[in-house]
Amino acid sequence: MLKTYQKELTEMNRLFNIGKENPPISKNMPPKAGSIAWARSIMGRISKPIKKFKTKADQLMTATFKDVAFNYVRLAKELDQGYEKIIFDKWRTDNTDEAIKLLKNNILKQEKKDGNTIYTVQFDPQLKVIIREAKFLERIGKNIPQTIINIAL
């Protein structure tokens, strides 16, 4: 059983290394939140079996179990502290500054056409992406900056 789980860990590690630069994201997910959700799905696949093994830890204390546990911890840290944290921290710093800059633009644009004044809305599409990212990231428990929360509201 441990050898099979070791193979699964190796496969999940391979999938992570292949997809971490361009992860498979579902259509309705924004890019950063989708990347984090993808990493969490891998984490979910590797954590369920190890939780069951921990209940039988006294029976499984072998060299094989220690190797498996070490590989699990290494991959879990890489997914959580390495990948997910880096993506979220970069998103938070980049988008807080970007959102403030985009909000300084005028929302209405005035144009003269055939002697008439026409007003059009200039809502930057990047703000929509920031708002969607914030909603998804908040759902998965991330601490969204107050500036972005105010924009989303």
N, C-alpha and C. Protein backbone atom coordinates (compact mmCIF):
# COMPACT_ATOMS: atom_id res chain seq x y z
N MET A 1 0.82 -1.18 0.00
CA MET A 1 0.00 0.00 0.00
C MET A 1 0.88 1.27 0.00
N LEU A 2 1.93 1.24 0.79
CA LEU A 2 2.82 2.40 0.84
C LEU A 2 3.54 2.61 -0.48
N LYS A 3 3.92 1.52 -1.13
CA LYS A 3 4.61 1.65 -2.42
C LYS A 3 3.68 2.25 -3.46
N THR A 4 2.40 1.88 -3.42
CA THR A 4 1.43 2.45 -4.35
C THR A 4 1.27 3.94 -4.09
N TYR A 5 1.18 4.30 -2.81
CA TYR A 5 1.07 5.72 -2.47
C TYR A 5 2.32 6.48 -2.88
N GLN A 6 3.47 5.86 -2.73
CA GLN A 6 4.74 6.48 -3.16
C GLN A 6 4.70 6.77 -4.66
N LYS A 7 4.15 5.83 -5.44
CA LYS A 7 4.01 6.04 -6.88
C LYS A 7 3.07 7.20 -7.17
N GLU A 8 1.97 7.28 -6.39
CA GLU A 8 1.02 8.38 -6.57
C GLU A 8 1.68 9.72 -6.24
N LEU A 9 2.48 9.74 -5.18
CA LEU A 9 3.20 10.97 -4.84
C LEU A 9 4.15 11.39 -5.96
N THR A 10 4.85 10.41 -6.51
CA THR A 10 5.77 10.69 -7.61
C THR A 10 5.01 11.23 -8.82
N GLU A 11 3.85 10.64 -9.10
CA GLU A 11 3.04 11.09 -10.23
C GLU A 11 2.50 12.51 -10.00
N MET A 12 2.04 12.80 -8.79
CA MET A 12 1.53 14.14 -8.48
C MET A 12 2.67 15.17 -8.55
N ASN A 13 3.85 14.79 -8.11
CA ASN A 13 5.02 15.67 -8.20
C ASN A 13 5.35 15.95 -9.67
N ARG A 14 5.28 14.92 -10.50
CA ARG A 14 5.53 15.08 -11.93
C ARG A 14 4.49 16.01 -12.56
N LEU A 15 3.20 15.78 -12.23
CA LEU A 15 2.13 16.64 -12.75
C LEU A 15 2.34 18.10 -12.32
N PHE A 16 2.72 18.29 -11.09
CA PHE A 16 2.95 19.64 -10.59
C PHE A 16 4.10 20.30 -11.34
N ASN A 17 5.19 19.60 -11.50
CA ASN A 17 6.35 20.19 -12.18
C ASN A 17 6.07 20.48 -13.64
N ILE A 18 5.27 19.65 -14.29
CA ILE A 18 4.91 19.89 -15.69
C ILE A 18 3.98 21.10 -15.81
N GLY A 19 3.01 21.20 -14.90
CA GLY A 19 1.97 22.22 -15.05
C GLY A 19 2.14 23.50 -14.29
N LYS A 20 3.18 23.62 -13.46
CA LYS A 20 3.25 24.81 -12.61
C LYS A 20 3.46 26.11 -13.38
N GLU A 21 4.08 26.08 -14.52
CA GLU A 21 4.27 27.30 -15.32
C GLU A 21 3.00 27.70 -16.06
N ASN A 22 2.22 26.70 -16.48
CA ASN A 22 0.98 26.96 -17.22
C ASN A 22 -0.06 25.92 -16.77
N PRO A 23 -0.63 26.09 -15.57
CA PRO A 23 -1.54 25.08 -15.03
C PRO A 23 -2.85 25.00 -15.80
N PRO A 24 -3.45 23.81 -15.82
CA PRO A 24 -4.77 23.68 -16.44
C PRO A 24 -5.82 24.33 -15.54
N ILE A 25 -6.51 25.32 -16.09
CA ILE A 25 -7.49 26.09 -15.32
C ILE A 25 -8.85 25.96 -16.00
N SER A 26 -9.91 25.79 -15.19
CA SER A 26 -11.23 25.71 -15.80
C SER A 26 -11.63 27.05 -16.41
N LYS A 27 -12.56 26.99 -17.34
CA LYS A 27 -12.94 28.17 -18.13
C LYS A 27 -13.41 29.34 -17.28
N ASN A 28 -14.15 29.07 -16.22
CA ASN A 28 -14.76 30.16 -15.46
C ASN A 28 -13.83 30.74 -14.39
N MET A 29 -12.63 30.22 -14.25
CA MET A 29 -11.71 30.69 -13.21
C MET A 29 -10.76 31.75 -13.75
N PRO A 30 -10.54 32.80 -12.96
CA PRO A 30 -9.49 33.75 -13.33
C PRO A 30 -8.12 33.10 -13.18
N PRO A 31 -7.08 33.63 -13.83
CA PRO A 31 -5.80 32.93 -13.90
C PRO A 31 -5.12 32.61 -12.57
N LYS A 32 -4.99 33.58 -11.68
CA LYS A 32 -4.26 33.34 -10.43
C LYS A 32 -5.06 32.44 -9.49
N ALA A 33 -6.35 32.72 -9.35
CA ALA A 33 -7.19 31.88 -8.49
C ALA A 33 -7.27 30.46 -9.06
N GLY A 34 -7.28 30.33 -10.37
CA GLY A 34 -7.30 29.01 -10.99
C GLY A 34 -6.01 28.24 -10.73
N SER A 35 -4.89 28.93 -10.74
CA SER A 35 -3.61 28.29 -10.44
C SER A 35 -3.57 27.79 -9.01
N ILE A 36 -4.08 28.59 -8.10
CA ILE A 36 -4.11 28.18 -6.70
C ILE A 36 -5.07 27.02 -6.50
N ALA A 37 -6.23 27.06 -7.15
CA ALA A 37 -7.18 25.96 -7.05
C ALA A 37 -6.58 24.67 -7.60
N TRP A 38 -5.83 24.77 -8.68
CA TRP A 38 -5.17 23.59 -9.27
C TRP A 38 -4.16 23.00 -8.27
N ALA A 39 -3.37 23.86 -7.65
CA ALA A 39 -2.38 23.38 -6.66
C ALA A 39 -3.09 22.75 -5.47
N ARG A 40 -4.20 23.34 -5.06
CA ARG A 40 -4.95 22.76 -3.93
C ARG A 40 -5.58 21.43 -4.30
N SER A 41 -5.95 21.25 -5.56
CA SER A 41 -6.51 19.94 -5.95
C SER A 41 -5.44 18.86 -5.86
N ILE A 42 -4.22 19.18 -6.23
CA ILE A 42 -3.12 18.22 -6.09
C ILE A 42 -2.89 17.95 -4.61
N MET A 43 -2.93 18.99 -3.79
CA MET A 43 -2.74 18.83 -2.35
C MET A 43 -3.82 17.93 -1.76
N GLY A 44 -5.04 18.10 -2.22
CA GLY A 44 -6.14 17.25 -1.74
C GLY A 44 -5.94 15.79 -2.10
N ARG A 45 -5.42 15.55 -3.30
CA ARG A 45 -5.18 14.17 -3.74
C ARG A 45 -4.10 13.47 -2.92
N ILE A 46 -3.11 14.24 -2.47
CA ILE A 46 -2.02 13.59 -1.73
C ILE A 46 -2.28 13.56 -0.22
N SER A 47 -3.16 14.43 0.28
CA SER A 47 -3.34 14.50 1.73
C SER A 47 -4.35 13.49 2.28
N LYS A 48 -5.33 13.08 1.49
CA LYS A 48 -6.33 12.12 1.99
C LYS A 48 -5.69 10.80 2.41
N PRO A 49 -4.86 10.18 1.58
CA PRO A 49 -4.26 8.91 2.00
C PRO A 49 -3.33 9.04 3.20
N ILE A 50 -2.58 10.14 3.28
CA ILE A 50 -1.62 10.27 4.38
C ILE A 50 -2.36 10.42 5.71
N LYS A 51 -3.54 11.03 5.70
CA LYS A 51 -4.34 11.14 6.92
C LYS A 51 -4.77 9.76 7.41
N LYS A 52 -5.11 8.90 6.48
CA LYS A 52 -5.48 7.52 6.86
C LYS A 52 -4.27 6.77 7.39
N PHE A 53 -3.12 7.00 6.79
CA PHE A 53 -1.90 6.34 7.26
C PHE A 53 -1.55 6.80 8.68
N LYS A 54 -1.79 8.06 8.97
CA LYS A 54 -1.44 8.59 10.29
C LYS A 54 -2.24 7.92 11.40
N THR A 55 -3.47 7.48 11.10
CA THR A 55 -4.25 6.79 12.13
C THR A 55 -3.65 5.43 12.47
N LYS A 56 -2.88 4.88 11.56
CA LYS A 56 -2.22 3.58 11.77
C LYS A 56 -0.71 3.75 11.88
N ALA A 57 -0.26 4.91 12.30
CA ALA A 57 1.17 5.23 12.31
C ALA A 57 1.98 4.26 13.16
N ASP A 58 1.40 3.79 14.27
CA ASP A 58 2.14 2.87 15.13
C ASP A 58 2.44 1.54 14.42
N GLN A 59 1.56 1.12 13.53
CA GLN A 59 1.76 -0.13 12.79
C GLN A 59 2.65 0.08 11.56
N LEU A 60 2.72 1.30 11.08
CA LEU A 60 3.42 1.56 9.82
C LEU A 60 4.80 2.19 10.00
N MET A 61 5.31 2.26 11.19
CA MET A 61 6.60 2.91 11.41
C MET A 61 7.74 2.08 10.83
N THR A 62 7.88 2.18 9.56
CA THR A 62 8.95 1.47 8.86
C THR A 62 9.77 2.49 8.09
N ALA A 63 10.85 2.04 7.53
CA ALA A 63 11.69 2.93 6.73
C ALA A 63 10.92 3.42 5.49
N THR A 64 10.10 2.55 4.92
CA THR A 64 9.30 2.92 3.75
C THR A 64 8.33 4.04 4.11
N PHE A 65 7.66 3.90 5.25
CA PHE A 65 6.71 4.93 5.69
C PHE A 65 7.42 6.26 5.92
N LYS A 66 8.60 6.22 6.50
CA LYS A 66 9.34 7.45 6.75
C LYS A 66 9.73 8.13 5.44
N ASP A 67 10.11 7.35 4.44
CA ASP A 67 10.42 7.91 3.12
C ASP A 67 9.18 8.53 2.49
N VAL A 68 8.07 7.82 2.58
CA VAL A 68 6.82 8.32 2.01
C VAL A 68 6.41 9.61 2.71
N ALA A 69 6.48 9.61 4.03
CA ALA A 69 6.10 10.80 4.80
C ALA A 69 7.01 11.98 4.44
N PHE A 70 8.30 11.72 4.28
CA PHE A 70 9.23 12.78 3.90
C PHE A 70 8.88 13.35 2.53
N ASN A 71 8.59 12.47 1.57
CA ASN A 71 8.21 12.92 0.22
C ASN A 71 6.91 13.71 0.24
N TYR A 72 5.96 13.27 1.07
CA TYR A 72 4.69 13.98 1.19
C TYR A 72 4.93 15.40 1.73
N VAL A 73 5.70 15.50 2.81
CA VAL A 73 5.95 16.81 3.43
C VAL A 73 6.68 17.72 2.45
N ARG A 74 7.64 17.20 1.72
CA ARG A 74 8.38 18.00 0.75
C ARG A 74 7.45 18.56 -0.32
N LEU A 75 6.59 17.69 -0.89
CA LEU A 75 5.68 18.13 -1.94
C LEU A 75 4.62 19.09 -1.38
N ALA A 76 4.11 18.81 -0.18
CA ALA A 76 3.11 19.68 0.43
C ALA A 76 3.67 21.07 0.67
N LYS A 77 4.91 21.16 1.15
CA LYS A 77 5.53 22.48 1.37
C LYS A 77 5.73 23.20 0.05
N GLU A 78 6.14 22.47 -0.97
CA GLU A 78 6.36 23.10 -2.28
C GLU A 78 5.05 23.64 -2.83
N LEU A 79 3.96 22.90 -2.66
CA LEU A 79 2.66 23.34 -3.15
C LEU A 79 2.13 24.53 -2.35
N ASP A 80 2.20 24.43 -1.03
CA ASP A 80 1.59 25.43 -0.18
C ASP A 80 2.47 26.66 0.00
N GLN A 81 3.66 26.47 0.52
CA GLN A 81 4.53 27.61 0.83
C GLN A 81 5.29 28.10 -0.39
N GLY A 82 5.58 27.22 -1.31
CA GLY A 82 6.33 27.63 -2.48
C GLY A 82 5.44 28.21 -3.56
N TYR A 83 4.51 27.43 -4.05
CA TYR A 83 3.73 27.79 -5.23
C TYR A 83 2.58 28.74 -4.88
N GLU A 84 1.69 28.29 -4.00
CA GLU A 84 0.49 29.06 -3.69
C GLU A 84 0.82 30.40 -3.04
N LYS A 85 1.71 30.42 -2.11
CA LYS A 85 2.07 31.65 -1.41
C LYS A 85 2.71 32.66 -2.36
N ILE A 86 3.58 32.19 -3.23
CA ILE A 86 4.24 33.09 -4.18
C ILE A 86 3.23 33.71 -5.13
N ILE A 87 2.33 32.88 -5.66
CA ILE A 87 1.31 33.38 -6.60
C ILE A 87 0.43 34.42 -5.91
N PHE A 88 -0.05 34.10 -4.70
CA PHE A 88 -0.95 35.04 -4.02
C PHE A 88 -0.23 36.33 -3.64
N ASP A 89 0.98 36.23 -3.10
CA ASP A 89 1.71 37.43 -2.70
C ASP A 89 1.98 38.34 -3.90
N LYS A 90 2.36 37.76 -5.02
CA LYS A 90 2.60 38.54 -6.23
C LYS A 90 1.30 39.19 -6.71
N TRP A 91 0.20 38.42 -6.70
CA TRP A 91 -1.09 38.97 -7.10
C TRP A 91 -1.48 40.14 -6.20
N ARG A 92 -1.32 39.97 -4.90
CA ARG A 92 -1.72 41.01 -3.95
C ARG A 92 -0.92 42.30 -4.17
N THR A 93 0.38 42.19 -4.30
CA THR A 93 1.18 43.42 -4.47
C THR A 93 0.94 44.07 -5.83
N ASP A 94 0.93 43.26 -6.88
CA ASP A 94 0.72 43.82 -8.23
C ASP A 94 -0.65 44.46 -8.38
N ASN A 95 -1.68 43.78 -7.92
CA ASN A 95 -3.04 44.26 -8.17
C ASN A 95 -3.48 45.37 -7.24
N THR A 96 -2.91 45.46 -6.07
CA THR A 96 -3.25 46.59 -5.20
C THR A 96 -2.78 47.88 -5.86
N ASP A 97 -1.56 47.90 -6.32
CA ASP A 97 -1.03 49.09 -7.00
C ASP A 97 -1.76 49.36 -8.31
N GLU A 98 -1.99 48.29 -9.08
CA GLU A 98 -2.67 48.43 -10.37
C GLU A 98 -4.09 48.94 -10.21
N ALA A 99 -4.81 48.43 -9.21
CA ALA A 99 -6.20 48.86 -8.99
C ALA A 99 -6.26 50.34 -8.64
N ILE A 100 -5.36 50.80 -7.81
CA ILE A 100 -5.34 52.22 -7.44
C ILE A 100 -5.06 53.07 -8.68
N LYS A 101 -4.12 52.63 -9.50
CA LYS A 101 -3.79 53.37 -10.72
C LYS A 101 -4.98 53.41 -11.68
N LEU A 102 -5.68 52.28 -11.84
CA LEU A 102 -6.82 52.23 -12.76
C LEU A 102 -7.99 53.05 -12.25
N LEU A 103 -8.14 53.15 -10.96
CA LEU A 103 -9.24 53.94 -10.41
C LEU A 103 -9.05 55.44 -10.60
N LYS A 104 -7.84 55.85 -10.85
CA LYS A 104 -7.57 57.28 -11.07
C LYS A 104 -8.04 57.73 -12.45
N ASN A 105 -8.30 56.79 -13.36
CA ASN A 105 -8.80 57.13 -14.69
C ASN A 105 -10.26 57.56 -14.60
N ASN A 106 -10.67 58.42 -15.52
CA ASN A 106 -12.07 58.83 -15.58
C ASN A 106 -12.93 57.65 -16.02
N ILE A 107 -14.10 57.54 -15.40
CA ILE A 107 -15.00 56.44 -15.76
C ILE A 107 -15.83 56.81 -16.98
N LEU A 108 -16.22 58.06 -17.07
CA LEU A 108 -17.01 58.51 -18.23
C LEU A 108 -16.12 59.25 -19.21
N LYS A 109 -16.37 59.01 -20.47
CA LYS A 109 -15.62 59.67 -21.54
C LYS A 109 -16.64 60.46 -22.37
N GLN A 110 -16.32 61.70 -22.61
CA GLN A 110 -17.21 62.57 -23.37
C GLN A 110 -16.71 62.67 -24.81
N GLU A 111 -17.64 62.46 -25.76
CA GLU A 111 -17.29 62.56 -27.18
C GLU A 111 -18.33 63.43 -27.88
N LYS A 112 -17.86 64.21 -28.82
CA LYS A 112 -18.76 65.01 -29.66
C LYS A 112 -18.96 64.26 -30.96
N LYS A 113 -20.22 64.00 -31.32
CA LYS A 113 -20.52 63.27 -32.54
C LYS A 113 -21.73 63.94 -33.21
N ASP A 114 -21.53 64.47 -34.39
CA ASP A 114 -22.59 65.14 -35.15
C ASP A 114 -23.28 66.24 -34.34
N GLY A 115 -22.49 66.98 -33.59
CA GLY A 115 -23.05 68.08 -32.81
C GLY A 115 -23.66 67.64 -31.48
N ASN A 116 -23.73 66.35 -31.23
CA ASN A 116 -24.28 65.85 -29.97
C ASN A 116 -23.15 65.39 -29.04
N THR A 117 -23.40 65.48 -27.78
CA THR A 117 -22.44 65.00 -26.79
C THR A 117 -22.83 63.59 -26.37
N ILE A 118 -21.91 62.68 -26.51
CA ILE A 118 -22.16 61.27 -26.15
C ILE A 118 -21.20 60.90 -25.03
N TYR A 119 -21.75 60.28 -24.02
CA TYR A 119 -20.93 59.79 -22.90
C TYR A 119 -20.81 58.27 -22.99
N THR A 120 -19.61 57.79 -22.89
CA THR A 120 -19.38 56.34 -22.88
C THR A 120 -18.64 55.96 -21.60
N VAL A 121 -18.84 54.73 -21.19
CA VAL A 121 -18.20 54.23 -19.97
C VAL A 121 -16.83 53.67 -20.32
N GLN A 122 -15.84 54.06 -19.57
CA GLN A 122 -14.47 53.58 -19.74
C GLN A 122 -14.07 52.75 -18.52
N PHE A 123 -14.67 51.59 -18.35
CA PHE A 123 -14.33 50.73 -17.21
C PHE A 123 -13.28 49.74 -17.70
N ASP A 124 -12.07 49.88 -17.20
CA ASP A 124 -10.96 49.06 -17.65
C ASP A 124 -11.24 47.58 -17.41
N PRO A 125 -11.07 46.73 -18.43
CA PRO A 125 -11.31 45.28 -18.26
C PRO A 125 -10.42 44.65 -17.19
N GLN A 126 -9.26 45.25 -16.95
CA GLN A 126 -8.37 44.71 -15.91
C GLN A 126 -9.02 44.80 -14.53
N LEU A 127 -9.84 45.84 -14.31
CA LEU A 127 -10.55 45.94 -13.03
C LEU A 127 -11.53 44.79 -12.84
N LYS A 128 -12.18 44.38 -13.93
CA LYS A 128 -13.09 43.23 -13.85
C LYS A 128 -12.33 41.97 -13.45
N VAL A 129 -11.15 41.79 -14.03
CA VAL A 129 -10.34 40.62 -13.70
C VAL A 129 -9.91 40.65 -12.23
N ILE A 130 -9.51 41.83 -11.77
CA ILE A 130 -9.10 41.97 -10.37
C ILE A 130 -10.26 41.64 -9.43
N ILE A 131 -11.45 42.11 -9.77
CA ILE A 131 -12.63 41.85 -8.93
C ILE A 131 -12.96 40.35 -8.93
N ARG A 132 -12.93 39.72 -10.10
CA ARG A 132 -13.21 38.27 -10.17
C ARG A 132 -12.17 37.47 -9.39
N GLU A 133 -10.90 37.85 -9.53
CA GLU A 133 -9.84 37.17 -8.78
C GLU A 133 -10.09 37.31 -7.28
N ALA A 134 -10.44 38.52 -6.85
CA ALA A 134 -10.67 38.76 -5.43
C ALA A 134 -11.81 37.89 -4.90
N LYS A 135 -12.88 37.78 -5.67
CA LYS A 135 -14.02 36.96 -5.23
C LYS A 135 -13.61 35.50 -5.08
N PHE A 136 -12.92 34.96 -6.08
CA PHE A 136 -12.50 33.56 -6.01
C PHE A 136 -11.49 33.34 -4.88
N LEU A 137 -10.54 34.24 -4.74
CA LEU A 137 -9.52 34.08 -3.70
C LEU A 137 -10.12 34.20 -2.31
N GLU A 138 -11.12 35.05 -2.16
CA GLU A 138 -11.78 35.17 -0.86
C GLU A 138 -12.54 33.89 -0.52
N ARG A 139 -13.15 33.27 -1.51
CA ARG A 139 -13.87 32.01 -1.30
C ARG A 139 -12.95 30.90 -0.80
N ILE A 140 -11.71 30.92 -1.23
CA ILE A 140 -10.80 29.86 -0.79
C ILE A 140 -10.01 30.26 0.45
N GLY A 141 -10.39 31.38 1.07
CA GLY A 141 -9.84 31.74 2.36
C GLY A 141 -8.63 32.65 2.36
N LYS A 142 -8.35 33.29 1.27
CA LYS A 142 -7.21 34.21 1.22
C LYS A 142 -7.60 35.57 1.80
N ASN A 143 -6.64 36.24 2.38
CA ASN A 143 -6.85 37.56 2.97
C ASN A 143 -6.64 38.63 1.90
N ILE A 144 -7.74 39.16 1.40
CA ILE A 144 -7.71 40.14 0.31
C ILE A 144 -7.45 41.53 0.88
N PRO A 145 -6.57 42.33 0.24
CA PRO A 145 -6.32 43.70 0.72
C PRO A 145 -7.60 44.55 0.72
N GLN A 146 -7.69 45.44 1.69
CA GLN A 146 -8.89 46.26 1.86
C GLN A 146 -9.17 47.12 0.62
N THR A 147 -8.15 47.59 -0.05
CA THR A 147 -8.32 48.39 -1.26
C THR A 147 -9.10 47.62 -2.32
N ILE A 148 -8.71 46.37 -2.52
CA ILE A 148 -9.36 45.56 -3.54
C ILE A 148 -10.78 45.17 -3.10
N ILE A 149 -10.99 44.96 -1.81
CA ILE A 149 -12.34 44.67 -1.31
C ILE A 149 -13.24 45.86 -1.58
N ASN A 150 -12.74 47.07 -1.33
CA ASN A 150 -13.55 48.27 -1.58
C ASN A 150 -13.89 48.41 -3.06
N ILE A 151 -12.97 48.07 -3.93
CA ILE A 151 -13.24 48.14 -5.37
C ILE A 151 -14.29 47.11 -5.75
N ALA A 152 -14.17 45.91 -5.20
CA ALA A 152 -15.13 44.84 -5.53
C ALA A 152 -16.53 45.19 -5.04
N LEU A 153 -16.61 45.85 -3.91
CA LEU A 153 -17.92 46.22 -3.40
C LEU A 153 -18.54 47.33 -4.25
